[in-house]
Amino acid sequence: MKTSFFQRSTVRGMVAGLLLAMMPTSFLPGSVPGARYTAAALFVGLRNQGWECRDSFSQGLLRRGGSVVIATTLYAGNSYCLAASGCEDAYDVDLAVYDENGNFIGSDSDRSSLAVVRITPRWTGTYYLKVTMFNSTYNGAHYVLQYAYRGR
């Protein structure tokens, strides 16, 4: 007995829905693991070039147009590669870096779900990393902020 395209599509949809319902939420599209995956190739390349990559990261969910500021200590003389990446629901993630006095240090504001800023601070201090979900699906997207560094 032949089945129509509509019947096959419906069965596929039901099977996909069942599998999706059985998956842990951490593996669903639009998740933190999805955002980490976006930056994975960058960090693999940096490790291969001798950079120390932090395994810890900041994460969260931002609405479209929303931002978060994360304070971190950066050390004079180290070179840093700071990366903010979005999940599958993120279309444009931006990253800006400011020093402890609020002075602009650098940014990446291209139209990509991965924003990368490379800096070498002249002094040790608190720096502020502003992650902006410039464009995403209507309900926002997850992001992660991670960095790598290399000493003098």
N, C-alpha and C. Protein backbone atom coordinates (compact mmCIF):
# COMPACT_ATOMS: atom_id res chain seq x y z
N MET A 1 0.84 -1.17 0.00
CA MET A 1 0.00 0.00 0.00
C MET A 1 0.88 1.24 0.00
N LYS A 2 0.64 2.11 -0.95
CA LYS A 2 1.44 3.33 -1.07
C LYS A 2 0.91 4.38 -0.09
N THR A 3 1.87 5.14 0.45
CA THR A 3 1.48 6.26 1.32
C THR A 3 1.76 7.55 0.59
N SER A 4 0.94 8.52 0.85
CA SER A 4 1.14 9.83 0.21
C SER A 4 2.27 10.58 0.90
N PHE A 5 2.76 11.61 0.21
CA PHE A 5 3.78 12.47 0.79
C PHE A 5 3.30 13.06 2.11
N PHE A 6 2.06 13.48 2.17
CA PHE A 6 1.50 14.07 3.38
C PHE A 6 1.54 13.07 4.54
N GLN A 7 1.17 11.81 4.27
CA GLN A 7 1.19 10.80 5.33
C GLN A 7 2.61 10.54 5.81
N ARG A 8 3.57 10.45 4.87
CA ARG A 8 4.97 10.21 5.26
C ARG A 8 5.50 11.39 6.07
N SER A 9 5.17 12.61 5.65
CA SER A 9 5.61 13.80 6.37
C SER A 9 5.03 13.82 7.77
N THR A 10 3.77 13.43 7.91
CA THR A 10 3.12 13.42 9.21
C THR A 10 3.79 12.41 10.13
N VAL A 11 4.09 11.23 9.60
CA VAL A 11 4.77 10.20 10.39
C VAL A 11 6.15 10.69 10.79
N ARG A 12 6.90 11.25 9.85
CA ARG A 12 8.22 11.79 10.19
C ARG A 12 8.11 12.85 11.27
N GLY A 13 7.11 13.72 11.14
CA GLY A 13 6.92 14.77 12.13
C GLY A 13 6.60 14.21 13.51
N MET A 14 5.78 13.16 13.54
CA MET A 14 5.44 12.54 14.82
C MET A 14 6.67 11.89 15.44
N VAL A 15 7.47 11.18 14.63
CA VAL A 15 8.69 10.55 15.13
C VAL A 15 9.67 11.61 15.61
N ALA A 16 9.86 12.66 14.82
CA ALA A 16 10.76 13.75 15.23
C ALA A 16 10.27 14.38 16.52
N GLY A 17 8.96 14.60 16.64
CA GLY A 17 8.42 15.18 17.86
C GLY A 17 8.63 14.29 19.06
N LEU A 18 8.48 12.98 18.87
CA LEU A 18 8.69 12.03 19.96
C LEU A 18 10.15 12.04 20.39
N LEU A 19 11.06 12.00 19.41
CA LEU A 19 12.49 12.03 19.74
C LEU A 19 12.86 13.33 20.43
N LEU A 20 12.32 14.43 19.96
CA LEU A 20 12.59 15.72 20.56
C LEU A 20 12.10 15.76 22.00
N ALA A 21 10.94 15.19 22.26
CA ALA A 21 10.39 15.17 23.62
C ALA A 21 11.24 14.32 24.55
N MET A 22 11.92 13.32 24.01
CA MET A 22 12.74 12.44 24.84
C MET A 22 14.13 13.00 25.08
N MET A 23 14.57 13.98 24.30
CA MET A 23 15.91 14.54 24.44
C MET A 23 16.00 15.42 25.67
N PRO A 24 17.16 15.42 26.35
CA PRO A 24 17.35 16.38 27.44
C PRO A 24 17.32 17.79 26.87
N THR A 25 16.80 18.74 27.61
CA THR A 25 16.67 20.10 27.09
C THR A 25 18.01 20.74 26.80
N SER A 26 19.09 20.27 27.40
CA SER A 26 20.40 20.86 27.14
C SER A 26 20.88 20.62 25.71
N PHE A 27 20.23 19.71 24.98
CA PHE A 27 20.64 19.45 23.62
C PHE A 27 19.67 20.02 22.59
N LEU A 28 18.66 20.72 23.03
CA LEU A 28 17.71 21.31 22.10
C LEU A 28 18.32 22.51 21.41
N PRO A 29 17.91 22.78 20.16
CA PRO A 29 18.38 24.00 19.50
C PRO A 29 18.01 25.22 20.34
N GLY A 30 18.83 26.23 20.26
CA GLY A 30 18.56 27.44 21.03
C GLY A 30 19.01 27.27 22.47
N SER A 31 20.06 26.51 22.70
CA SER A 31 20.50 26.22 24.04
C SER A 31 21.93 26.68 24.27
N VAL A 32 22.37 26.63 25.52
CA VAL A 32 23.76 26.99 25.85
C VAL A 32 24.74 26.07 25.12
N PRO A 33 24.52 24.73 25.07
CA PRO A 33 25.45 23.91 24.28
C PRO A 33 25.51 24.34 22.81
N GLY A 34 24.40 24.80 22.28
CA GLY A 34 24.40 25.32 20.91
C GLY A 34 25.29 26.54 20.78
N ALA A 35 25.26 27.41 21.79
CA ALA A 35 26.12 28.61 21.78
C ALA A 35 27.58 28.22 21.94
N ARG A 36 27.86 27.23 22.78
CA ARG A 36 29.25 26.77 22.94
C ARG A 36 29.77 26.16 21.65
N TYR A 37 28.91 25.46 20.94
CA TYR A 37 29.29 24.84 19.68
C TYR A 37 29.73 25.90 18.67
N THR A 38 29.06 27.04 18.67
CA THR A 38 29.39 28.12 17.74
C THR A 38 30.84 28.57 17.90
N ALA A 39 31.34 28.60 19.13
CA ALA A 39 32.70 29.07 19.39
C ALA A 39 33.74 27.96 19.38
N ALA A 40 33.31 26.70 19.29
CA ALA A 40 34.22 25.57 19.43
C ALA A 40 35.38 25.60 18.44
N ALA A 41 35.12 25.88 17.19
CA ALA A 41 36.18 25.88 16.18
C ALA A 41 37.23 26.95 16.49
N LEU A 42 36.78 28.10 16.96
CA LEU A 42 37.72 29.17 17.33
C LEU A 42 38.66 28.69 18.43
N PHE A 43 38.10 28.08 19.48
CA PHE A 43 38.92 27.68 20.61
C PHE A 43 39.81 26.48 20.30
N VAL A 44 39.39 25.59 19.42
CA VAL A 44 40.25 24.50 18.98
C VAL A 44 41.46 25.09 18.25
N GLY A 45 41.21 26.04 17.36
CA GLY A 45 42.31 26.70 16.65
C GLY A 45 43.26 27.43 17.57
N LEU A 46 42.70 28.14 18.56
CA LEU A 46 43.55 28.86 19.51
C LEU A 46 44.42 27.90 20.33
N ARG A 47 43.83 26.79 20.79
CA ARG A 47 44.61 25.79 21.53
C ARG A 47 45.76 25.26 20.68
N ASN A 48 45.48 25.01 19.41
CA ASN A 48 46.51 24.51 18.51
C ASN A 48 47.63 25.53 18.30
N GLN A 49 47.35 26.80 18.54
CA GLN A 49 48.36 27.86 18.40
C GLN A 49 49.04 28.18 19.73
N GLY A 50 48.75 27.40 20.77
CA GLY A 50 49.42 27.59 22.05
C GLY A 50 48.71 28.50 23.05
N TRP A 51 47.48 28.89 22.77
CA TRP A 51 46.74 29.73 23.70
C TRP A 51 46.19 28.86 24.83
N GLU A 52 46.07 29.43 26.02
CA GLU A 52 45.41 28.79 27.15
C GLU A 52 43.94 29.16 27.06
N CYS A 53 43.08 28.17 26.93
CA CYS A 53 41.64 28.43 26.80
C CYS A 53 40.94 28.11 28.12
N ARG A 54 40.20 29.07 28.60
CA ARG A 54 39.43 28.86 29.82
C ARG A 54 38.30 27.89 29.55
N ASP A 55 38.16 26.90 30.44
CA ASP A 55 37.05 25.97 30.31
C ASP A 55 35.77 26.55 30.89
N SER A 56 35.92 27.48 31.84
CA SER A 56 34.74 28.10 32.42
C SER A 56 34.23 29.20 31.49
N PHE A 57 32.95 29.50 31.60
CA PHE A 57 32.36 30.51 30.74
C PHE A 57 31.15 31.10 31.43
N SER A 58 30.78 32.29 30.99
CA SER A 58 29.54 32.92 31.44
C SER A 58 28.47 32.56 30.42
N GLN A 59 27.24 32.46 30.86
CA GLN A 59 26.16 32.09 29.95
C GLN A 59 24.88 32.76 30.36
N GLY A 60 23.95 32.79 29.44
CA GLY A 60 22.65 33.36 29.76
C GLY A 60 21.75 33.40 28.55
N LEU A 61 20.59 33.94 28.78
CA LEU A 61 19.58 34.12 27.74
C LEU A 61 19.32 35.61 27.63
N LEU A 62 19.42 36.13 26.43
CA LEU A 62 19.17 37.55 26.19
C LEU A 62 18.04 37.71 25.20
N ARG A 63 17.18 38.68 25.47
CA ARG A 63 16.13 38.99 24.50
C ARG A 63 16.77 39.73 23.33
N ARG A 64 16.07 39.78 22.21
CA ARG A 64 16.57 40.50 21.04
C ARG A 64 16.79 41.96 21.43
N GLY A 65 17.98 42.48 21.19
CA GLY A 65 18.32 43.86 21.54
C GLY A 65 18.82 44.01 22.96
N GLY A 66 18.77 42.95 23.74
CA GLY A 66 19.20 43.01 25.13
C GLY A 66 20.71 42.84 25.28
N SER A 67 21.22 43.23 26.43
CA SER A 67 22.65 43.08 26.68
C SER A 67 22.89 42.79 28.15
N VAL A 68 24.09 42.33 28.43
CA VAL A 68 24.54 42.05 29.78
C VAL A 68 25.99 42.50 29.88
N VAL A 69 26.39 43.00 31.05
CA VAL A 69 27.77 43.42 31.27
C VAL A 69 28.38 42.49 32.32
N ILE A 70 29.53 41.94 31.99
CA ILE A 70 30.22 41.00 32.87
C ILE A 70 31.58 41.58 33.21
N ALA A 71 31.86 41.68 34.50
CA ALA A 71 33.15 42.20 34.97
C ALA A 71 34.15 41.05 35.10
N THR A 72 35.38 41.29 34.69
CA THR A 72 36.43 40.29 34.82
C THR A 72 37.76 41.00 35.01
N THR A 73 38.71 40.30 35.61
CA THR A 73 40.05 40.84 35.78
C THR A 73 40.92 40.36 34.64
N LEU A 74 41.56 41.31 33.95
CA LEU A 74 42.53 40.98 32.91
C LEU A 74 43.88 41.50 33.37
N TYR A 75 44.95 40.80 32.99
CA TYR A 75 46.28 41.10 33.50
C TYR A 75 47.17 41.73 32.44
N ALA A 76 47.91 42.73 32.86
CA ALA A 76 48.82 43.46 31.97
C ALA A 76 49.80 42.51 31.31
N GLY A 77 50.02 42.72 30.03
CA GLY A 77 50.99 41.93 29.30
C GLY A 77 50.45 40.66 28.68
N ASN A 78 49.35 40.13 29.18
CA ASN A 78 48.72 38.97 28.55
C ASN A 78 47.93 39.42 27.34
N SER A 79 47.90 38.58 26.33
CA SER A 79 47.03 38.82 25.18
C SER A 79 45.78 37.98 25.40
N TYR A 80 44.63 38.56 25.11
CA TYR A 80 43.35 37.88 25.32
C TYR A 80 42.57 37.81 24.02
N CYS A 81 41.91 36.68 23.84
CA CYS A 81 40.94 36.52 22.77
C CYS A 81 39.62 36.25 23.48
N LEU A 82 38.74 37.24 23.46
CA LEU A 82 37.44 37.17 24.12
C LEU A 82 36.40 36.84 23.07
N ALA A 83 35.54 35.87 23.36
CA ALA A 83 34.55 35.46 22.37
C ALA A 83 33.17 35.34 23.01
N ALA A 84 32.20 35.97 22.39
CA ALA A 84 30.79 35.83 22.77
C ALA A 84 30.11 35.15 21.59
N SER A 85 29.47 34.03 21.87
CA SER A 85 28.81 33.31 20.79
C SER A 85 27.36 33.04 21.14
N GLY A 86 26.55 32.96 20.11
CA GLY A 86 25.13 32.71 20.29
C GLY A 86 24.74 31.33 19.79
N CYS A 87 23.60 30.87 20.23
CA CYS A 87 23.07 29.58 19.81
C CYS A 87 22.44 29.71 18.42
N GLU A 88 21.74 28.67 18.03
CA GLU A 88 21.11 28.64 16.70
C GLU A 88 20.07 29.74 16.52
N ASP A 89 19.52 30.25 17.60
CA ASP A 89 18.51 31.31 17.53
C ASP A 89 19.13 32.71 17.45
N ALA A 90 20.43 32.81 17.58
CA ALA A 90 21.13 34.10 17.54
C ALA A 90 21.62 34.36 16.12
N TYR A 91 21.35 35.56 15.62
CA TYR A 91 21.79 35.93 14.28
C TYR A 91 22.94 36.93 14.32
N ASP A 92 22.98 37.76 15.35
CA ASP A 92 24.01 38.81 15.44
C ASP A 92 24.31 39.07 16.91
N VAL A 93 25.50 38.64 17.35
CA VAL A 93 25.97 38.86 18.72
C VAL A 93 27.13 39.83 18.65
N ASP A 94 27.10 40.85 19.50
CA ASP A 94 28.18 41.84 19.54
C ASP A 94 28.86 41.81 20.90
N LEU A 95 30.13 42.18 20.91
CA LEU A 95 30.92 42.22 22.14
C LEU A 95 31.72 43.51 22.17
N ALA A 96 31.65 44.21 23.30
CA ALA A 96 32.44 45.44 23.49
C ALA A 96 33.17 45.33 24.82
N VAL A 97 34.39 45.88 24.88
CA VAL A 97 35.22 45.81 26.08
C VAL A 97 35.52 47.23 26.55
N TYR A 98 35.35 47.43 27.87
CA TYR A 98 35.62 48.73 28.50
C TYR A 98 36.55 48.51 29.69
N ASP A 99 37.40 49.52 29.97
CA ASP A 99 38.27 49.40 31.14
C ASP A 99 37.53 49.84 32.40
N GLU A 100 38.24 49.84 33.53
CA GLU A 100 37.62 50.15 34.83
C GLU A 100 37.10 51.58 34.92
N ASN A 101 37.56 52.46 34.01
CA ASN A 101 37.10 53.85 33.99
C ASN A 101 35.98 54.08 32.97
N GLY A 102 35.54 53.00 32.32
CA GLY A 102 34.48 53.12 31.34
C GLY A 102 34.97 53.49 29.95
N ASN A 103 36.29 53.51 29.76
CA ASN A 103 36.85 53.83 28.44
C ASN A 103 36.71 52.63 27.51
N PHE A 104 36.30 52.91 26.29
CA PHE A 104 36.15 51.89 25.27
C PHE A 104 37.51 51.33 24.89
N ILE A 105 37.65 50.00 24.88
CA ILE A 105 38.91 49.35 24.53
C ILE A 105 38.85 48.71 23.14
N GLY A 106 37.77 48.02 22.85
CA GLY A 106 37.64 47.35 21.56
C GLY A 106 36.30 46.67 21.43
N SER A 107 35.95 46.29 20.19
CA SER A 107 34.67 45.62 19.99
C SER A 107 34.67 44.80 18.71
N ASP A 108 33.67 43.97 18.60
CA ASP A 108 33.35 43.25 17.38
C ASP A 108 31.86 43.44 17.19
N SER A 109 31.50 44.13 16.14
CA SER A 109 30.08 44.42 15.92
C SER A 109 29.64 44.03 14.50
N ASP A 110 30.29 42.99 13.95
CA ASP A 110 29.86 42.54 12.63
C ASP A 110 28.54 41.77 12.76
N ARG A 111 28.01 41.35 11.66
CA ARG A 111 26.71 40.64 11.65
C ARG A 111 26.95 39.14 11.67
N SER A 112 27.36 38.65 12.84
CA SER A 112 27.66 37.23 13.00
C SER A 112 27.21 36.77 14.38
N SER A 113 26.98 35.49 14.53
CA SER A 113 26.60 34.96 15.85
C SER A 113 27.82 34.68 16.72
N LEU A 114 29.01 35.02 16.23
CA LEU A 114 30.24 34.90 17.00
C LEU A 114 30.97 36.24 16.96
N ALA A 115 31.16 36.83 18.12
CA ALA A 115 31.89 38.11 18.23
C ALA A 115 33.22 37.85 18.92
N VAL A 116 34.30 38.34 18.33
CA VAL A 116 35.64 38.10 18.87
C VAL A 116 36.38 39.43 19.01
N VAL A 117 36.96 39.64 20.19
CA VAL A 117 37.78 40.83 20.44
C VAL A 117 39.12 40.36 20.98
N ARG A 118 40.19 40.84 20.38
CA ARG A 118 41.55 40.53 20.85
C ARG A 118 42.15 41.80 21.43
N ILE A 119 42.63 41.69 22.67
CA ILE A 119 43.24 42.84 23.33
C ILE A 119 44.45 42.40 24.15
N THR A 120 45.34 43.35 24.41
CA THR A 120 46.46 43.16 25.33
C THR A 120 46.44 44.36 26.28
N PRO A 121 45.89 44.16 27.48
CA PRO A 121 45.77 45.29 28.43
C PRO A 121 47.14 45.85 28.83
N ARG A 122 47.20 47.16 29.00
CA ARG A 122 48.43 47.81 29.44
C ARG A 122 48.56 47.79 30.95
N TRP A 123 47.45 47.56 31.66
CA TRP A 123 47.50 47.45 33.11
C TRP A 123 46.52 46.38 33.58
N THR A 124 46.83 45.83 34.74
CA THR A 124 45.94 44.85 35.37
C THR A 124 44.78 45.58 36.01
N GLY A 125 43.60 45.08 35.81
CA GLY A 125 42.44 45.72 36.40
C GLY A 125 41.14 45.04 36.03
N THR A 126 40.06 45.64 36.45
CA THR A 126 38.73 45.14 36.12
C THR A 126 38.31 45.69 34.77
N TYR A 127 37.88 44.80 33.92
CA TYR A 127 37.39 45.18 32.59
C TYR A 127 35.94 44.71 32.48
N TYR A 128 35.18 45.44 31.69
CA TYR A 128 33.76 45.15 31.54
C TYR A 128 33.49 44.69 30.12
N LEU A 129 32.90 43.51 30.02
CA LEU A 129 32.61 42.90 28.73
C LEU A 129 31.10 42.97 28.50
N LYS A 130 30.70 43.72 27.50
CA LYS A 130 29.28 43.91 27.21
C LYS A 130 28.88 43.03 26.03
N VAL A 131 28.02 42.05 26.31
CA VAL A 131 27.51 41.15 25.28
C VAL A 131 26.12 41.66 24.89
N THR A 132 25.91 41.88 23.60
CA THR A 132 24.61 42.35 23.11
C THR A 132 24.06 41.36 22.09
N MET A 133 22.81 40.97 22.30
CA MET A 133 22.11 40.12 21.35
C MET A 133 21.43 41.07 20.37
N PHE A 134 22.19 41.53 19.39
CA PHE A 134 21.69 42.56 18.47
C PHE A 134 20.50 42.05 17.65
N ASN A 135 20.59 40.78 17.21
CA ASN A 135 19.48 40.24 16.43
C ASN A 135 19.37 38.74 16.71
N SER A 136 18.13 38.29 16.87
CA SER A 136 17.85 36.88 17.17
C SER A 136 16.40 36.59 16.81
N THR A 137 15.95 35.39 17.13
CA THR A 137 14.54 35.09 16.97
C THR A 137 13.76 36.01 17.91
N TYR A 138 12.47 36.09 17.73
CA TYR A 138 11.65 37.05 18.49
C TYR A 138 11.74 36.85 20.00
N ASN A 139 12.00 35.63 20.46
CA ASN A 139 12.04 35.39 21.90
C ASN A 139 13.45 35.38 22.48
N GLY A 140 14.44 35.82 21.73
CA GLY A 140 15.80 35.91 22.24
C GLY A 140 16.62 34.67 21.95
N ALA A 141 17.81 34.61 22.54
CA ALA A 141 18.73 33.50 22.29
C ALA A 141 19.71 33.36 23.44
N HIS A 142 20.30 32.19 23.54
CA HIS A 142 21.34 31.94 24.55
C HIS A 142 22.69 32.43 24.03
N TYR A 143 23.55 32.78 24.97
CA TYR A 143 24.91 33.18 24.63
C TYR A 143 25.87 32.53 25.62
N VAL A 144 27.12 32.44 25.22
CA VAL A 144 28.20 32.12 26.14
C VAL A 144 29.32 33.12 25.89
N LEU A 145 30.05 33.43 26.94
CA LEU A 145 31.21 34.30 26.86
C LEU A 145 32.38 33.51 27.42
N GLN A 146 33.41 33.34 26.61
CA GLN A 146 34.55 32.54 26.99
C GLN A 146 35.80 33.24 26.48
N TYR A 147 36.96 32.95 27.09
CA TYR A 147 38.16 33.59 26.57
C TYR A 147 39.37 32.69 26.66
N ALA A 148 40.36 33.08 25.87
CA ALA A 148 41.65 32.42 25.86
C ALA A 148 42.70 33.50 26.09
N TYR A 149 43.86 33.09 26.59
CA TYR A 149 44.91 34.07 26.85
C TYR A 149 46.27 33.45 26.56
N ARG A 150 47.21 34.35 26.37
CA ARG A 150 48.60 33.94 26.15
C ARG A 150 49.47 34.94 26.88
N GLY A 151 50.39 34.42 27.70
CA GLY A 151 51.30 35.28 28.44
C GLY A 151 52.39 35.85 27.57
N ARG A 152 53.16 36.74 28.14
CA ARG A 152 54.23 37.40 27.39
C ARG A 152 55.24 36.43 26.86
